[in-house]
Amino acid sequence: MAIRKGGLDGQGEVDRGLLKAARNPESDVRMLDCEFTVVVGPHIRRKFWQTFTVVGGKVDEQGVSIGWKISKGIFRAMIDSALGLDPQDMSEVAKAKRVLRGLADLHGITFAAKVRVEPASDSRYSDNNRLDRVVLPGEPEYRRIMDGEAVPASPSHRAARPAAPATPASTPPAWATPPAQPAPATSARSWERAAPSAPIQAAPPPAAASAPASSGPAWLNG
């Protein structure tokens, strides 16, 4: 996953200029604009794009952005998948690996995933590829993906959704040698460490792809 800067500031120095505004000028939604690239398998080097709400939009009873809560869960799953962490592991070591200096630290993360084909709402346009879910350690497909096996595409068991118009950390998180291309953050992240002997593979789809600012890190254990 690569983050495409949108020009709006997020949380902390590393997220300067990172976020993207919603198309509606009256909306308070701020998003992370992400580009995904398949790294191995029959769809290698194919790309798709997706945004994740990180600020604004509808809120829950506590006044917390619902979109951010959803995105936060996805980002945490990406980290667990990239690092081979048990999602139930809440040890201090595992928790420390889920602490980011900011969302920019997610730039360059490589993880196992299931991709779905989402039919276009307008017949004039082609279908889209979307991130269906992150494949986590403990799932049968995860080990096969991490061992470099070709995992056949399979239907998702849920309906595709229509397209929609913490403790401080002083050191980088756990996945990091320098990325091939410059990242929004200036130092390395933990998931960019040297690749394992078996490549990490994103499970291909059945069709080709077409807060106010504040300081401090993002805490993804909740």
Foldseek 3Di string as FASTA:
>chain_A
DAWDFAQPAAAADLRHSRWHDQPPPVFPWIWTKDKDAWCDDPQHRFIAIDIATQDGDDADPVRHDPSNVVVLQQLQQLQQQLVVNDLPDPDPVSQQLQWAQAPLLCGPRFGAFAKEWAQAPDPVDGIAIDTPGGDHRPDPVSVCQQQQHQDAHDDDPDDDDHDDSDDFDPDAHALFDDDPDDTSGDDTHRVHPDADPHHHGYHDYPDGHPPPYYYGIDRRSD
